[in-house]
Amino acid sequence: MNTDINTHDWLHRSQSERPIIIAGPCSAETEQQVMEAAESLRGMGISYFRAGAWKPRTRPNNFEGVGDIALKWLSRARMETGLKVCTEVANGDHVRKALENKIDLIWIGARTAGNPFSVQEIASELKGVDVEVLVKNPISPDIELWIGALERIYNSGITKLGAIHRGFSIYGKTTYRNPPLWDIPIELKRLAPTIPIIVDPSHISGTKRGLARIIQGALELRLDGLMIEVHPFPENALSDSKQQISPAALEKLLGETLIEDNNNKTLEPMPDAKDILDSLRKKIDRADDRLMGALSERMSLVSDIGRLKKKWGLPVIQNSRWKHLLESVVALGKEKDLSIELIEKIYVLIHKESINMQSLIMNKE
């Protein structure tokens, strides 16, 4: 998969710079709330003040934002604090109204980013416009869908374009509201190296307690910024109250994590660090070679079993065998101090591929 997106360096941070910080309430609720939040954030060195005017909600009777009037409040916040302001858009009408109110940056939310029709509508409205645009990853862990949304906006002529990593919705319980699946934004950076990536720890964590760990992960990966939900009175927030923090809590959080980030950048590597790393990486390469050999052998055996199942008229899926296999490999993984979550993920994928292989064998004439 290739992409021709080239966004230059409009939002990237250098090795010596602190990350871009976007902060503010999940939703603009009242003019007083917006102004109080903006005033409290003015002296913290944030780059953009955020607040949602329109809020896509799962259930129809939840707070869905105050709508157009919030854009007036954001304009006032920009004028009185000097902060750039941003909000989420989900259709062409939202774009037009945001531009009329001179909103500095707009972002496309996760629900909208997964719908090519909606993204194209927004892209068409952005033709010939000079505005900053960020695109959140779709809810599903589909990097092609994410890149497709970015390409649609880029093809409309927007070059001040970036991505927001807000985690993904996956089946099963996890410690996160939306697990980060860091390999996906890393792959996005590889495929489109000029795309700045902002991390949204609020939506990834879903709680106040998990923010520091996500921020640290973003800093270690040298991603370009953070979008954090901040409310003057989080416990009274009309949306996402569990993941919003107070301005004082943000100041403390950034102080701790960014100081640690700066300290890490000043550490001098050991003189022989490169040799040690090279040696360990060669061992990993050899381990990967053995792993691929074992996987190849396993899938060959799966094919042999598939042919016997066809010959003897046995079903492809045998749930009792799968249950026994998963229990066995999890127990084996525990003995070797491997993560149960890792083992389960790997074997679910292997089992899925095994079913596909044997199904193809069954359907052959």
Protein backbone atom coordinates (compact mmCIF):
# COMPACT_ATOMS: atom_id res chain seq x y z
CA MET A 1 0.00 0.00 0.00
CA ASN A 2 1.43 3.36 -1.06
CA THR A 3 0.33 6.93 -0.42
CA ASP A 4 1.46 10.21 -1.95
CA ILE A 5 0.47 12.37 1.02
CA ASN A 6 3.11 15.05 1.64
CA THR A 7 2.17 17.48 4.40
CA HIS A 8 5.57 19.11 4.96
CA ASP A 9 6.40 20.11 8.55
CA TRP A 10 3.47 22.26 9.64
CA LEU A 11 2.84 20.44 12.94
CA HIS A 12 5.84 18.19 13.50
CA ARG A 13 8.00 18.71 16.56
CA SER A 14 11.77 18.42 16.46
CA GLN A 15 13.80 16.36 18.90
CA SER A 16 14.32 19.46 21.06
CA GLU A 17 10.68 20.63 21.12
CA ARG A 18 7.89 19.74 23.49
CA PRO A 19 4.91 18.01 21.85
CA ILE A 20 1.95 19.94 20.44
CA ILE A 21 -0.73 20.13 23.15
CA ILE A 22 -4.45 20.35 22.30
CA ALA A 23 -6.60 20.68 25.41
CA GLY A 24 -10.11 21.63 26.44
CA PRO A 25 -13.48 20.13 27.31
CA CYS A 26 -15.04 17.25 25.45
CA SER A 27 -18.12 19.39 24.79
CA ALA A 28 -18.82 23.10 24.81
CA GLU A 29 -21.67 23.20 27.33
CA THR A 30 -22.09 26.89 28.21
CA GLU A 31 -20.29 30.10 27.31
CA GLN A 32 -19.10 30.45 30.91
CA GLN A 33 -17.68 26.91 30.91
CA VAL A 34 -15.83 27.49 27.62
CA MET A 35 -14.34 30.80 28.75
CA GLU A 36 -13.36 29.46 32.17
CA ALA A 37 -11.64 26.46 30.59
CA ALA A 38 -9.80 28.62 28.03
CA GLU A 39 -8.66 31.14 30.64
CA SER A 40 -7.35 28.38 32.91
CA LEU A 41 -5.33 26.85 30.05
CA ARG A 42 -3.91 30.08 28.64
CA GLY A 43 -0.68 30.04 30.66
CA MET A 44 0.14 26.34 30.22
CA GLY A 45 1.76 26.54 26.80
CA ILE A 46 -0.96 24.64 24.97
CA SER A 47 -1.11 25.01 21.19
CA TYR A 48 -4.86 24.73 20.62
CA PHE A 49 -8.01 25.01 22.75
CA ARG A 50 -10.57 22.35 21.87
CA ALA A 51 -14.30 21.99 22.53
CA GLY A 52 -16.94 19.95 20.70
CA ALA A 53 -19.87 21.85 19.22
CA TRP A 54 -21.60 18.77 17.78
CA LYS A 55 -21.21 15.44 19.61
CA PRO A 56 -22.04 12.15 17.86
CA ARG A 57 -23.45 9.92 20.60
CA THR A 58 -24.30 6.25 20.66
CA ARG A 59 -27.71 6.76 22.29
CA PRO A 60 -30.18 9.41 21.05
CA ASN A 61 -31.08 10.91 24.43
CA ASN A 62 -27.51 11.68 25.52
CA PHE A 63 -26.09 15.21 25.33
CA GLU A 64 -25.27 15.87 21.68
CA GLY A 65 -23.69 19.30 22.02
CA VAL A 66 -25.16 22.78 21.81
CA GLY A 67 -24.44 23.17 18.10
CA ASP A 68 -23.65 26.34 16.18
CA ILE A 69 -23.61 28.70 19.17
CA ALA A 70 -20.51 26.93 20.51
CA LEU A 71 -18.53 28.30 17.54
CA LYS A 72 -19.26 31.84 18.76
CA TRP A 73 -17.93 30.89 22.18
CA LEU A 74 -14.78 29.44 20.64
CA SER A 75 -14.26 32.62 18.61
CA ARG A 76 -14.54 34.67 21.80
CA ALA A 77 -12.10 32.34 23.58
CA ARG A 78 -9.57 32.84 20.77
CA MET A 79 -9.98 36.61 20.83
CA GLU A 80 -9.65 36.96 24.62
CA THR A 81 -6.93 34.36 25.28
CA GLY A 82 -4.92 34.37 22.06
CA LEU A 83 -5.22 30.58 21.82
CA LYS A 84 -5.95 28.88 18.52
CA VAL A 85 -9.25 27.00 18.68
CA CYS A 86 -10.53 23.76 17.17
CA THR A 87 -13.63 21.59 17.01
CA GLU A 88 -14.93 18.38 15.43
CA VAL A 89 -16.89 18.34 12.17
CA ALA A 90 -18.98 15.51 10.76
CA ASN A 91 -20.45 16.91 7.53
CA GLY A 92 -20.20 19.72 4.99
CA ASP A 93 -22.55 22.01 6.92
CA HIS A 94 -20.33 21.77 10.00
CA VAL A 95 -17.31 22.69 7.87
CA ARG A 96 -19.03 25.76 6.41
CA LYS A 97 -20.07 27.02 9.83
CA ALA A 98 -16.64 26.39 11.35
CA LEU A 99 -14.99 28.32 8.54
CA GLU A 100 -17.48 31.19 8.87
CA ASN A 101 -16.44 31.50 12.52
CA LYS A 102 -12.72 31.33 11.62
CA ILE A 103 -12.06 28.15 13.61
CA ASP A 104 -8.30 27.54 13.26
CA LEU A 105 -8.33 23.75 13.13
CA ILE A 106 -11.04 21.17 12.53
CA TRP A 107 -10.87 17.46 13.10
CA ILE A 108 -12.86 14.55 11.74
CA GLY A 109 -14.01 12.16 14.45
CA ALA A 110 -13.58 8.39 14.58
CA ARG A 111 -17.18 7.60 13.67
CA THR A 112 -17.08 9.92 10.65
CA ALA A 113 -13.60 8.82 9.51
CA GLY A 114 -14.93 5.29 8.97
CA ASN A 115 -17.54 6.48 6.47
CA PRO A 116 -16.03 7.36 3.05
CA PHE A 117 -19.23 9.15 1.99
CA SER A 118 -19.06 11.52 4.97
CA VAL A 119 -15.33 12.11 4.55
CA GLN A 120 -15.80 12.88 0.84
CA GLU A 121 -18.57 15.36 1.67
CA ILE A 122 -16.20 17.15 4.04
CA ALA A 123 -13.35 16.98 1.52
CA SER A 124 -15.53 18.56 -1.17
CA GLU A 125 -16.39 21.43 1.18
CA LEU A 126 -12.69 21.99 1.91
CA LYS A 127 -11.62 22.50 -1.71
CA GLY A 128 -9.76 25.78 -2.10
CA VAL A 129 -9.70 26.41 1.66
CA ASP A 130 -6.61 27.05 3.79
CA VAL A 131 -7.37 25.44 7.14
CA GLU A 132 -5.70 22.92 9.43
CA VAL A 133 -7.33 19.47 9.49
CA LEU A 134 -6.78 16.40 11.64
CA VAL A 135 -8.35 12.99 10.99
CA LYS A 136 -8.96 10.58 13.85
CA ASN A 137 -8.47 6.89 13.22
CA PRO A 138 -11.71 5.00 12.47
CA ILE A 139 -13.18 3.03 15.34
CA SER A 140 -12.18 -0.26 13.71
CA PRO A 141 -8.44 -1.13 13.50
CA ASP A 142 -8.27 -0.66 9.72
CA ILE A 143 -5.25 1.34 8.59
CA GLU A 144 -6.41 1.44 4.96
CA LEU A 145 -9.66 3.11 6.03
CA TRP A 146 -7.65 5.66 8.03
CA ILE A 147 -5.27 6.37 5.15
CA GLY A 148 -8.21 6.57 2.74
CA ALA A 149 -9.81 9.31 4.86
CA LEU A 150 -6.51 11.21 4.98
CA GLU A 151 -6.08 10.86 1.22
CA ARG A 152 -9.58 12.22 0.53
CA ILE A 153 -8.83 15.35 2.58
CA TYR A 154 -5.36 15.71 1.05
CA ASN A 155 -6.76 15.37 -2.47
CA SER A 156 -9.08 18.31 -1.78
CA GLY A 157 -5.99 20.54 -1.52
CA ILE A 158 -5.46 20.49 2.25
CA THR A 159 -1.74 20.25 3.04
CA LYS A 160 -1.92 21.24 6.71
CA LEU A 161 -3.10 17.75 7.47
CA GLY A 162 -2.47 15.44 10.40
CA ALA A 163 -3.80 12.35 12.15
CA ILE A 164 -5.17 11.72 15.63
CA HIS A 165 -4.58 8.33 17.23
CA ARG A 166 -7.48 7.74 19.66
CA GLY A 167 -7.33 3.97 19.98
CA PHE A 168 -9.57 1.28 18.49
CA SER A 169 -12.67 -0.63 19.45
CA ILE A 170 -11.97 -4.35 19.71
CA TYR A 171 -13.94 -7.32 20.99
CA GLY A 172 -13.50 -8.35 24.61
CA LYS A 173 -12.56 -6.63 27.85
CA THR A 174 -9.30 -4.70 28.05
CA THR A 175 -7.69 -2.27 30.46
CA TYR A 176 -8.41 0.56 27.98
CA ARG A 177 -11.58 2.14 26.70
CA ASN A 178 -10.04 2.00 23.20
CA PRO A 179 -6.82 -0.06 23.13
CA PRO A 180 -3.96 1.87 21.47
CA LEU A 181 -2.67 -0.93 19.19
CA TRP A 182 0.52 1.11 18.73
CA ASP A 183 1.59 -0.92 15.70
CA ILE A 184 -1.10 0.81 13.59
CA PRO A 185 0.05 4.43 14.11
CA ILE A 186 3.65 3.22 13.74
CA GLU A 187 2.70 1.70 10.38
CA LEU A 188 0.92 4.93 9.40
CA LYS A 189 4.13 6.85 10.15
CA ARG A 190 6.07 4.42 7.95
CA LEU A 191 3.64 4.70 5.05
CA ALA A 192 3.15 8.48 5.33
CA PRO A 193 6.23 9.81 7.15
CA THR A 194 5.26 13.49 6.78
CA ILE A 195 1.93 13.02 8.57
CA PRO A 196 2.07 14.48 12.10
CA ILE A 197 0.35 12.17 14.59
CA ILE A 198 -1.42 13.51 17.67
CA VAL A 199 -2.28 10.99 20.41
CA ASP A 200 -5.59 11.25 22.28
CA PRO A 201 -4.90 9.59 25.66
CA SER A 202 -8.34 10.57 26.97
CA HIS A 203 -10.21 8.32 24.54
CA ILE A 204 -7.61 5.56 24.65
CA SER A 205 -7.66 5.32 28.43
CA GLY A 206 -11.26 6.23 29.16
CA THR A 207 -10.27 7.12 32.72
CA LYS A 208 -8.21 9.78 34.44
CA ARG A 209 -5.91 7.18 35.99
CA GLY A 210 -4.60 5.78 32.72
CA LEU A 211 -3.53 9.04 31.07
CA ALA A 212 0.10 9.17 32.20
CA ARG A 213 0.87 5.70 30.84
CA ILE A 214 -0.57 6.55 27.40
CA ILE A 215 1.24 9.90 27.30
CA GLN A 216 4.50 8.18 28.13
CA GLY A 217 3.95 5.71 25.30
CA ALA A 218 3.35 8.57 22.85
CA LEU A 219 6.49 10.37 24.01
CA GLU A 220 8.63 7.25 23.74
CA LEU A 221 7.46 6.80 20.14
CA ARG A 222 8.33 10.46 19.40
CA LEU A 223 4.82 11.18 18.13
CA ASP A 224 4.00 14.82 17.57
CA GLY A 225 1.43 15.82 20.13
CA LEU A 226 -1.35 15.14 22.61
CA MET A 227 -5.08 15.90 22.67
CA ILE A 228 -6.35 15.84 26.25
CA GLU A 229 -9.87 16.51 27.50
CA VAL A 230 -9.89 19.15 30.25
CA HIS A 231 -12.99 20.50 32.02
CA PRO A 232 -13.22 23.12 34.82
CA PHE A 233 -15.43 20.68 36.77
CA PRO A 234 -14.94 17.18 35.28
CA GLU A 235 -17.36 15.48 37.64
CA ASN A 236 -20.18 17.67 36.26
CA ALA A 237 -19.29 17.27 32.57
CA LEU A 238 -22.23 16.45 30.30
CA SER A 239 -20.14 14.01 28.24
CA ASP A 240 -17.20 11.70 28.98
CA SER A 241 -16.85 12.85 32.58
CA LYS A 242 -14.80 9.78 33.55
CA GLN A 243 -11.92 10.66 31.24
CA GLN A 244 -11.79 14.44 31.64
CA ILE A 245 -9.42 16.12 34.09
CA SER A 246 -9.23 19.54 35.69
CA PRO A 247 -6.82 22.26 34.49
CA ALA A 248 -4.78 21.79 37.67
CA ALA A 249 -4.54 18.06 37.03
CA LEU A 250 -3.40 18.74 33.45
CA GLU A 251 -0.66 21.08 34.66
CA LYS A 252 0.59 18.42 37.07
CA LEU A 253 0.35 15.65 34.47
CA LEU A 254 2.24 17.58 31.81
CA GLY A 255 4.82 18.72 34.33
CA GLU A 256 5.59 15.14 35.32
CA THR A 257 5.51 13.50 31.88
CA LEU A 258 7.20 16.24 29.85
CA ILE A 259 9.98 16.73 32.40
CA GLU A 260 10.66 13.01 32.25
CA ASP A 261 10.62 13.21 28.44
CA ASN A 262 13.17 16.04 28.48
CA ASN A 263 15.37 14.15 30.93
CA ASN A 264 15.30 11.07 28.71
CA LYS A 265 16.44 13.14 25.72
CA THR A 266 19.53 14.34 27.58
CA LEU A 267 20.77 10.91 28.55
CA GLU A 268 24.00 9.94 26.79
CA PRO A 269 24.04 6.39 25.40
CA MET A 270 26.65 3.97 26.65
CA PRO A 271 29.72 3.85 24.35
CA ASP A 272 29.09 0.21 23.47
CA ALA A 273 25.29 0.52 23.33
CA LYS A 274 25.15 0.14 19.53
CA ASP A 275 27.21 -3.06 19.61
CA ILE A 276 24.99 -4.52 22.34
CA LEU A 277 21.81 -3.60 20.45
CA ASP A 278 23.17 -5.02 17.19
CA SER A 279 24.05 -8.28 18.93
CA LEU A 280 20.59 -8.58 20.50
CA ARG A 281 18.86 -7.72 17.23
CA LYS A 282 20.80 -10.46 15.44
CA LYS A 283 19.56 -12.91 18.07
CA ILE A 284 16.02 -11.69 17.44
CA ASP A 285 16.52 -12.23 13.71
CA ARG A 286 17.61 -15.83 14.37
CA ALA A 287 14.65 -16.36 16.72
CA ASP A 288 12.31 -14.99 14.02
CA ASP A 289 13.82 -17.40 11.50
CA ARG A 290 13.07 -20.33 13.82
CA LEU A 291 9.59 -18.92 14.48
CA MET A 292 8.79 -18.71 10.76
CA GLY A 293 10.08 -22.25 10.28
CA ALA A 294 7.84 -23.57 13.05
CA LEU A 295 4.86 -21.62 11.70
CA SER A 296 5.45 -22.96 8.21
CA GLU A 297 5.60 -26.52 9.56
CA ARG A 298 2.43 -25.98 11.59
CA MET A 299 0.43 -24.65 8.64
CA SER A 300 1.63 -27.54 6.47
CA LEU A 301 0.26 -29.93 9.10
CA VAL A 302 -3.01 -27.96 9.12
CA SER A 303 -3.28 -28.58 5.35
CA ASP A 304 -2.64 -32.31 5.86
CA ILE A 305 -5.39 -32.44 8.47
CA GLY A 306 -7.73 -30.56 6.13
CA ARG A 307 -7.24 -33.14 3.41
CA LEU A 308 -7.97 -35.98 5.85
CA LYS A 309 -11.10 -34.20 7.10
CA LYS A 310 -12.33 -33.92 3.53
CA LYS A 311 -11.56 -37.57 2.84
CA TRP A 312 -13.37 -38.77 5.95
CA GLY A 313 -16.22 -36.23 5.82
CA LEU A 314 -15.31 -34.49 9.06
CA PRO A 315 -16.29 -30.87 9.80
CA VAL A 316 -13.66 -28.13 9.57
CA ILE A 317 -14.53 -26.55 12.92
CA GLN A 318 -14.23 -28.78 15.99
CA ASN A 319 -14.88 -26.61 19.03
CA SER A 320 -13.75 -29.11 21.64
CA ARG A 321 -10.33 -29.42 19.97
CA TRP A 322 -9.99 -25.61 19.74
CA LYS A 323 -10.89 -25.16 23.41
CA HIS A 324 -8.36 -27.83 24.46
CA LEU A 325 -5.66 -26.33 22.23
CA LEU A 326 -6.13 -22.79 23.57
CA GLU A 327 -6.06 -23.99 27.18
CA SER A 328 -2.88 -25.95 26.47
CA VAL A 329 -0.95 -23.13 24.79
CA VAL A 330 -2.02 -20.61 27.45
CA ALA A 331 -0.72 -22.96 30.16
CA LEU A 332 2.51 -23.45 28.22
CA GLY A 333 2.86 -19.68 27.77
CA LYS A 334 2.45 -19.13 31.50
CA GLU A 335 5.31 -21.53 32.17
CA LYS A 336 7.49 -19.44 29.88
CA ASP A 337 6.40 -16.11 31.47
CA LEU A 338 4.52 -15.00 28.36
CA SER A 339 1.47 -12.72 28.44
CA ILE A 340 -1.81 -14.64 28.32
CA GLU A 341 -3.26 -11.83 26.20
CA LEU A 342 -0.41 -12.19 23.70
CA ILE A 343 -0.81 -15.98 23.45
CA GLU A 344 -4.57 -15.71 22.95
CA LYS A 345 -4.22 -13.06 20.23
CA ILE A 346 -1.61 -15.09 18.34
CA TYR A 347 -3.55 -18.34 18.47
CA VAL A 348 -6.88 -16.75 17.58
CA LEU A 349 -5.21 -15.48 14.40
CA ILE A 350 -3.58 -18.86 13.73
CA HIS A 351 -6.89 -20.66 14.30
CA LYS A 352 -8.69 -18.26 11.95
CA GLU A 353 -6.09 -18.85 9.23
CA SER A 354 -6.25 -22.61 9.81
CA ILE A 355 -10.03 -22.58 9.33
CA ASN A 356 -9.64 -20.56 6.13
CA MET A 357 -7.02 -22.99 4.76
CA GLN A 358 -9.07 -26.08 5.55
CA SER A 359 -12.26 -24.49 4.18
CA LEU A 360 -10.50 -23.88 0.86
CA ILE A 361 -9.38 -27.51 0.81
CA MET A 362 -12.93 -28.70 1.51
CA ASN A 363 -14.37 -26.59 -1.32
CA LYS A 364 -11.89 -27.80 -3.92
CA GLU A 365 -13.27 -30.26 -6.45
